[in-house]
Amino acid sequence: MSTHPRTVDPRLLRAFLAVAEELHFTRAAARLYVAQQALSRDIRRLERELGVELFVRTTRQVTLAPDGERLLPYARQVLDAQDELLAAFGQGRPLLVDLNSPGLATGRRVLLRARELAPEQELMARYESGLTGAAGELLAGRLDASFGRFAGLAPALRAGLDHQPVRYEPMAVVLPEGHGLASRAAIPLAALTGETVYAGAGNPRTPEWTDLARRLFEGRGIKVAPPAPLAVGEEEFQRIMARTRNPILAVVDFPALPGMVVRPLVDPVPLSPVSLVWRKGLTHPAIEALRRAAVEVASANGWLRRPEGGWIPASDADAMAARTRTS
């Protein structure tokens, strides 16, 4: 019979937690930046030290054994406490904040304010390009926070996440400079009747954005452009869009691209609901600074005041209003 150790190396608990959340040794090893063999050795060592079996392994899958299920909440508590201890002495891990795209202003302004509120903390920007893409990373612990349309996520993703409304962001359209509508200061939605507009269709990271576009265009005679090759980076995106010359659905703060103009949409003003999103149960000394920054920046800029007659899906309006009341 094994004698239980007086202490457990937190590194072994992190290895256990990664495998428990991924249920896949290769993915867990990639998440921890270690070799799969080293990860397997750590799990075996932890099992030996505790005198239990933590995982049931077959050739097809990995599942938690009963003792693994029992260990899971304790492992999370120990690691959260260690993170808090290290943070208290200036050695905490960075808070990883997804801003979707380098050019978008909403998340960036909140992040900059959070850095001012918590200068002793390290808040690092990441760019996952879409809330659905980021949500999987949030749930797996590879990201800590992101921004986007919470109501557009699949229910299974929303179940493990929490959100705080930040902005009703007016939407816009990006047009080639030679487009017939480019000379207008603002584009009425009715003027897009008969147009085919790119809204990220086919991009697995942004289905919540494509869904918002479909709801907006429904009954207005506007088509969602078919999937285009997935472009990574501004230069590739611009090249693909220049080939199709389709208008692009965006938001008013979308950065202007060479040869293109950004024009706000009006009559009605369509709104993109933006929330700060994080994993339920996340404990990190910087997350409260980020949430406080979101409140301050939203308040200072009137981001949560909906313009009269602004368009937004009822499900999104309900999700934003309900969470605003409880924040």
Protein backbone atom coordinates (compact mmCIF):
# COMPACT_ATOMS: atom_id res chain seq x y z
CA MET A 1 0.00 0.00 0.00
CA SER A 2 1.40 3.41 -1.02
CA THR A 3 2.24 6.03 1.56
CA HIS A 4 0.78 9.36 0.51
CA PRO A 5 3.34 12.16 0.15
CA ARG A 6 3.46 15.04 2.58
CA THR A 7 3.64 17.49 -0.36
CA VAL A 8 2.68 17.41 -4.03
CA ASP A 9 4.72 19.29 -6.61
CA PRO A 10 2.44 21.98 -8.18
CA ARG A 11 4.05 21.21 -11.53
CA LEU A 12 2.56 17.72 -11.39
CA LEU A 13 -0.84 19.19 -10.55
CA ARG A 14 -0.60 21.52 -13.58
CA ALA A 15 0.19 18.51 -15.74
CA PHE A 16 -2.82 16.67 -14.30
CA LEU A 17 -5.11 19.67 -14.81
CA ALA A 18 -4.07 20.12 -18.44
CA VAL A 19 -4.78 16.47 -19.26
CA ALA A 20 -8.02 16.53 -17.26
CA GLU A 21 -9.29 19.54 -19.22
CA GLU A 22 -8.05 18.43 -22.64
CA LEU A 23 -8.62 14.66 -22.20
CA HIS A 24 -5.87 14.33 -24.78
CA PHE A 25 -2.15 13.98 -23.97
CA THR A 26 -0.90 15.56 -27.21
CA ARG A 27 -3.05 18.67 -26.81
CA ALA A 28 -2.21 18.94 -23.11
CA ALA A 29 1.52 18.71 -23.87
CA ALA A 30 1.22 21.44 -26.50
CA ARG A 31 -0.66 23.62 -24.02
CA LEU A 32 2.14 23.22 -21.46
CA TYR A 33 4.95 23.49 -24.03
CA VAL A 34 6.43 20.15 -22.97
CA ALA A 35 7.13 16.89 -24.75
CA GLN A 36 4.34 14.35 -24.58
CA GLN A 37 6.69 11.76 -23.05
CA ALA A 38 7.63 14.17 -20.26
CA LEU A 39 3.96 14.88 -19.59
CA SER A 40 3.17 11.15 -19.42
CA ARG A 41 6.05 10.67 -16.96
CA ASP A 42 4.68 13.47 -14.74
CA ILE A 43 1.21 11.93 -14.69
CA ARG A 44 2.62 8.51 -13.82
CA ARG A 45 4.71 10.06 -11.04
CA LEU A 46 1.67 11.85 -9.59
CA GLU A 47 -0.36 8.64 -9.72
CA ARG A 48 2.48 6.79 -7.98
CA GLU A 49 2.85 9.45 -5.28
CA LEU A 50 -0.89 9.54 -4.56
CA GLY A 51 -1.28 5.78 -4.92
CA VAL A 52 -4.25 6.08 -7.27
CA GLU A 53 -5.16 5.87 -10.94
CA LEU A 54 -6.14 9.30 -12.27
CA PHE A 55 -6.97 8.49 -15.89
CA VAL A 56 -8.41 5.60 -17.84
CA ARG A 57 -6.40 5.33 -21.05
CA THR A 58 -7.42 3.37 -24.14
CA THR A 59 -6.10 3.51 -27.68
CA ARG A 60 -9.02 5.77 -28.61
CA GLN A 61 -9.58 8.07 -25.66
CA VAL A 62 -8.55 9.36 -22.27
CA THR A 63 -11.14 9.77 -19.50
CA LEU A 64 -10.93 10.74 -15.84
CA ALA A 65 -10.92 7.84 -13.39
CA PRO A 66 -13.02 8.27 -10.22
CA ASP A 67 -9.95 9.36 -8.23
CA GLY A 68 -9.14 11.83 -11.02
CA GLU A 69 -12.61 13.32 -10.69
CA ARG A 70 -12.04 13.57 -6.94
CA LEU A 71 -8.66 15.29 -7.35
CA LEU A 72 -9.81 17.83 -9.94
CA PRO A 73 -11.40 20.48 -7.65
CA TYR A 74 -8.52 20.22 -5.17
CA ALA A 75 -5.93 20.65 -7.94
CA ARG A 76 -7.71 23.78 -9.16
CA GLN A 77 -7.86 25.22 -5.63
CA VAL A 78 -4.16 24.57 -4.99
CA LEU A 79 -3.05 26.07 -8.30
CA ASP A 80 -5.32 29.10 -7.94
CA ALA A 81 -3.89 29.70 -4.47
CA GLN A 82 -0.35 29.39 -5.81
CA ASP A 83 -1.09 31.89 -8.59
CA GLU A 84 -2.49 34.34 -6.05
CA LEU A 85 0.53 33.90 -3.78
CA LEU A 86 3.00 34.50 -6.60
CA ALA A 87 1.01 37.48 -7.85
CA ALA A 88 1.05 39.04 -4.37
CA PHE A 89 4.84 39.05 -4.57
CA GLY A 90 5.04 40.27 -8.15
CA GLN A 91 5.67 36.86 -9.70
CA GLY A 92 2.22 36.01 -11.07
CA ARG A 93 1.66 34.76 -14.58
CA PRO A 94 0.39 37.28 -17.13
CA LEU A 95 -3.32 37.70 -17.77
CA LEU A 96 -3.79 36.76 -21.44
CA VAL A 97 -6.35 39.05 -23.09
CA ASP A 98 -7.60 38.38 -26.62
CA LEU A 99 -8.28 41.55 -28.65
CA ASN A 100 -9.52 39.67 -31.76
CA SER A 101 -7.57 41.86 -34.20
CA PRO A 102 -4.76 44.44 -33.75
CA GLY A 103 -6.82 47.23 -35.36
CA LEU A 104 -10.01 47.01 -33.27
CA ALA A 105 -10.29 49.73 -30.65
CA THR A 106 -12.83 48.52 -28.07
CA GLY A 107 -10.79 45.78 -26.41
CA ARG A 108 -7.54 47.67 -26.82
CA ARG A 109 -8.85 50.74 -24.97
CA VAL A 110 -10.14 48.58 -22.11
CA LEU A 111 -6.80 46.76 -21.90
CA LEU A 112 -4.82 50.02 -21.83
CA ARG A 113 -6.98 51.33 -18.98
CA ALA A 114 -6.61 48.05 -17.06
CA ARG A 115 -2.83 48.36 -17.32
CA GLU A 116 -3.11 51.83 -15.77
CA LEU A 117 -5.30 50.50 -12.95
CA ALA A 118 -2.98 47.57 -12.17
CA PRO A 119 0.56 48.62 -13.16
CA GLU A 120 2.04 45.86 -11.01
CA GLN A 121 0.29 43.19 -13.11
CA GLU A 122 1.25 41.93 -16.57
CA LEU A 123 -1.67 41.98 -19.02
CA MET A 124 -0.65 40.50 -22.35
CA ALA A 125 -2.56 40.97 -25.61
CA ARG A 126 -3.37 38.05 -27.89
CA TYR A 127 -5.17 38.03 -31.24
CA GLU A 128 -7.48 35.04 -31.80
CA SER A 129 -9.65 36.77 -34.45
CA GLY A 130 -13.16 35.86 -33.35
CA LEU A 131 -14.95 35.10 -30.09
CA THR A 132 -15.89 31.55 -31.04
CA GLY A 133 -12.25 30.81 -31.76
CA ALA A 134 -11.23 32.42 -28.50
CA ALA A 135 -13.94 30.66 -26.45
CA GLY A 136 -12.34 27.25 -26.84
CA GLU A 137 -9.02 28.73 -25.73
CA LEU A 138 -10.71 30.37 -22.73
CA LEU A 139 -12.29 27.11 -21.62
CA ALA A 140 -8.99 25.26 -22.05
CA GLY A 141 -7.13 27.85 -19.96
CA ARG A 142 -4.90 29.05 -22.79
CA LEU A 143 -6.57 32.48 -22.72
CA ASP A 144 -8.07 34.39 -19.83
CA ALA A 145 -10.37 36.97 -21.43
CA SER A 146 -11.71 38.04 -24.81
CA PHE A 147 -14.21 40.45 -26.36
CA GLY A 148 -17.18 39.83 -28.62
CA ARG A 149 -20.79 38.85 -29.11
CA PHE A 150 -21.58 36.56 -26.18
CA ALA A 151 -25.13 35.70 -27.28
CA GLY A 152 -23.72 34.45 -30.58
CA LEU A 153 -21.78 31.63 -28.94
CA ALA A 154 -23.07 28.07 -28.89
CA PRO A 155 -24.85 27.21 -25.59
CA ALA A 156 -22.18 24.62 -24.74
CA LEU A 157 -19.53 27.35 -24.88
CA ARG A 158 -21.59 29.92 -22.97
CA ALA A 159 -22.16 27.43 -20.15
CA GLY A 160 -18.52 27.64 -19.06
CA LEU A 161 -18.09 31.38 -19.58
CA ASP A 162 -19.22 34.64 -18.00
CA HIS A 163 -19.51 38.07 -19.60
CA GLN A 164 -19.82 41.76 -18.86
CA PRO A 165 -21.36 44.11 -21.49
CA VAL A 166 -18.93 46.75 -22.76
CA ARG A 167 -20.35 48.36 -25.88
CA TYR A 168 -23.14 48.57 -28.39
CA GLU A 169 -20.75 49.20 -31.26
CA PRO A 170 -22.23 50.80 -34.40
CA MET A 171 -21.60 48.75 -37.50
CA ALA A 172 -20.11 49.91 -40.77
CA VAL A 173 -19.29 48.72 -44.24
CA VAL A 174 -15.86 48.72 -45.87
CA LEU A 175 -15.98 49.58 -49.57
CA PRO A 176 -13.42 49.70 -52.38
CA GLU A 177 -12.68 53.35 -53.19
CA GLY A 178 -14.24 52.98 -56.65
CA HIS A 179 -17.51 51.48 -55.38
CA GLY A 180 -20.66 53.38 -56.27
CA LEU A 181 -21.50 53.97 -52.60
CA ALA A 182 -18.01 55.02 -51.48
CA SER A 183 -18.65 58.74 -52.01
CA ARG A 184 -21.42 58.77 -49.36
CA ALA A 185 -20.60 59.81 -45.79
CA ALA A 186 -22.94 57.12 -44.41
CA ILE A 187 -24.65 54.17 -46.06
CA PRO A 188 -28.37 53.50 -45.49
CA LEU A 189 -28.99 49.77 -45.20
CA ALA A 190 -31.48 50.01 -48.05
CA ALA A 191 -28.65 51.13 -50.32
CA LEU A 192 -27.03 47.71 -49.94
CA THR A 193 -30.05 45.91 -51.43
CA GLY A 194 -28.78 43.63 -54.18
CA GLU A 195 -25.21 43.67 -52.82
CA THR A 196 -23.24 40.63 -51.68
CA VAL A 197 -21.41 41.53 -48.46
CA TYR A 198 -18.51 39.65 -46.91
CA ALA A 199 -19.16 38.73 -43.25
CA GLY A 200 -16.64 35.98 -42.52
CA ALA A 201 -18.75 33.09 -43.82
CA GLY A 202 -16.83 29.84 -43.51
CA ASN A 203 -14.38 31.17 -40.93
CA PRO A 204 -14.60 28.68 -38.02
CA ARG A 205 -13.41 31.36 -35.58
CA THR A 206 -16.18 33.88 -36.31
CA PRO A 207 -19.57 32.17 -36.84
CA GLU A 208 -21.10 34.54 -34.27
CA TRP A 209 -20.28 37.47 -36.60
CA THR A 210 -21.66 35.74 -39.71
CA ASP A 211 -24.84 34.91 -37.80
CA LEU A 212 -25.23 38.57 -36.80
CA ALA A 213 -24.87 39.56 -40.46
CA ARG A 214 -27.50 37.05 -41.59
CA ARG A 215 -29.96 38.39 -39.04
CA LEU A 216 -29.25 41.97 -40.15
CA PHE A 217 -29.56 41.21 -43.87
CA GLU A 218 -32.68 39.04 -43.60
CA GLY A 219 -35.59 40.57 -45.53
CA ARG A 220 -33.44 43.43 -46.88
CA GLY A 221 -32.29 41.83 -50.12
CA ILE A 222 -28.65 41.72 -49.01
CA LYS A 223 -26.68 38.50 -49.47
CA VAL A 224 -23.86 37.13 -47.32
CA ALA A 225 -20.83 36.48 -49.51
CA PRO A 226 -19.83 32.81 -49.80
CA PRO A 227 -16.74 31.57 -47.95
CA ALA A 228 -13.44 33.02 -49.11
CA PRO A 229 -10.00 31.52 -48.43
CA LEU A 230 -9.16 32.08 -44.78
CA ALA A 231 -6.71 34.99 -44.76
CA VAL A 232 -4.20 35.37 -41.93
CA GLY A 233 -2.81 38.87 -41.56
CA GLU A 234 -3.92 42.25 -42.91
CA GLU A 235 -1.98 41.94 -46.15
CA GLU A 236 -3.54 38.61 -47.10
CA PHE A 237 -7.01 39.78 -46.07
CA GLN A 238 -6.66 42.89 -48.23
CA ARG A 239 -5.46 40.81 -51.21
CA ILE A 240 -8.42 38.41 -51.00
CA MET A 241 -10.94 41.24 -50.57
CA ALA A 242 -9.44 43.20 -53.48
CA ARG A 243 -10.04 40.19 -55.70
CA THR A 244 -13.72 39.79 -54.79
CA ARG A 245 -14.41 43.58 -54.43
CA ASN A 246 -17.34 42.75 -52.15
CA PRO A 247 -18.30 45.24 -49.44
CA ILE A 248 -17.18 44.02 -46.00
CA LEU A 249 -19.38 44.18 -42.89
CA ALA A 250 -17.36 45.77 -40.06
CA VAL A 251 -17.65 48.18 -37.13
CA VAL A 252 -17.09 51.93 -37.12
CA ASP A 253 -13.63 51.64 -35.55
CA PHE A 254 -12.42 49.18 -38.19
CA PRO A 255 -9.03 50.46 -39.42
CA ALA A 256 -9.02 51.79 -42.98
CA LEU A 257 -7.20 49.55 -45.46
CA PRO A 258 -5.32 50.91 -48.48
CA GLY A 259 -7.70 51.41 -51.39
CA MET A 260 -10.79 51.07 -49.19
CA VAL A 261 -13.05 53.38 -47.16
CA VAL A 262 -15.05 52.73 -43.96
CA ARG A 263 -18.60 54.10 -43.92
CA PRO A 264 -21.09 53.87 -41.01
CA LEU A 265 -24.39 52.11 -41.63
CA VAL A 266 -27.61 54.02 -40.89
CA ASP A 267 -31.40 53.83 -41.17
CA PRO A 268 -31.33 51.94 -38.83
CA VAL A 269 -27.93 51.96 -37.12
CA PRO A 270 -27.05 48.27 -36.66
CA LEU A 271 -25.27 47.52 -33.39
CA SER A 272 -22.66 44.90 -32.65
CA PRO A 273 -22.98 43.87 -28.96
CA VAL A 274 -19.52 43.59 -27.39
CA SER A 275 -18.90 41.93 -24.03
CA LEU A 276 -15.81 41.20 -22.00
CA VAL A 277 -15.81 37.39 -21.74
CA TRP A 278 -13.88 35.17 -19.33
CA ARG A 279 -13.92 31.64 -17.98
CA LYS A 280 -16.23 31.00 -15.02
CA GLY A 281 -14.29 30.56 -11.81
CA LEU A 282 -11.21 32.37 -13.13
CA THR A 283 -9.08 33.72 -10.28
CA HIS A 284 -6.33 36.14 -11.26
CA PRO A 285 -5.46 39.44 -9.58
CA ALA A 286 -5.70 41.31 -12.89
CA ILE A 287 -9.17 40.16 -13.95
CA GLU A 288 -10.87 42.59 -11.57
CA ALA A 289 -8.77 45.44 -12.98
CA LEU A 290 -9.88 44.43 -16.47
CA ARG A 291 -13.54 44.34 -15.44
CA ARG A 292 -13.23 47.69 -13.68
CA ALA A 293 -11.54 49.16 -16.75
CA ALA A 294 -14.40 47.93 -18.94
CA VAL A 295 -16.91 49.74 -16.71
CA GLU A 296 -14.89 52.96 -16.68
CA VAL A 297 -14.18 53.09 -20.42
CA ALA A 298 -17.76 52.18 -21.32
CA SER A 299 -19.13 54.85 -18.99
CA ALA A 300 -16.72 57.57 -20.15
CA ASN A 301 -17.60 56.97 -23.81
CA GLY A 302 -21.31 56.22 -23.47
CA TRP A 303 -20.77 52.82 -25.02
CA LEU A 304 -23.76 51.20 -23.31
CA ARG A 305 -26.27 53.84 -24.40
CA ARG A 306 -28.22 52.41 -27.32
CA PRO A 307 -29.00 54.96 -30.03
CA GLU A 308 -32.71 55.50 -30.60
CA GLY A 309 -33.91 53.15 -33.31
CA GLY A 310 -30.67 51.16 -33.27
CA TRP A 311 -30.97 47.59 -34.56
CA ILE A 312 -29.93 44.60 -32.48
CA PRO A 313 -31.30 41.03 -32.31
CA ALA A 314 -33.71 40.54 -29.41
CA SER A 315 -31.62 37.66 -28.00
CA ASP A 316 -28.55 39.90 -27.87
CA ALA A 317 -30.46 42.79 -26.31
CA ASP A 318 -31.79 40.45 -23.61
CA ALA A 319 -28.33 38.98 -22.87
CA MET A 320 -26.72 42.42 -22.63
CA ALA A 321 -29.49 43.95 -20.52
CA ALA A 322 -29.69 41.00 -18.11
CA ARG A 323 -25.96 40.95 -17.50
CA THR A 324 -25.75 44.76 -17.18
CA ARG A 325 -28.29 44.62 -14.33
CA THR A 326 -26.24 42.04 -12.42
CA SER A 327 -22.71 43.40 -13.07
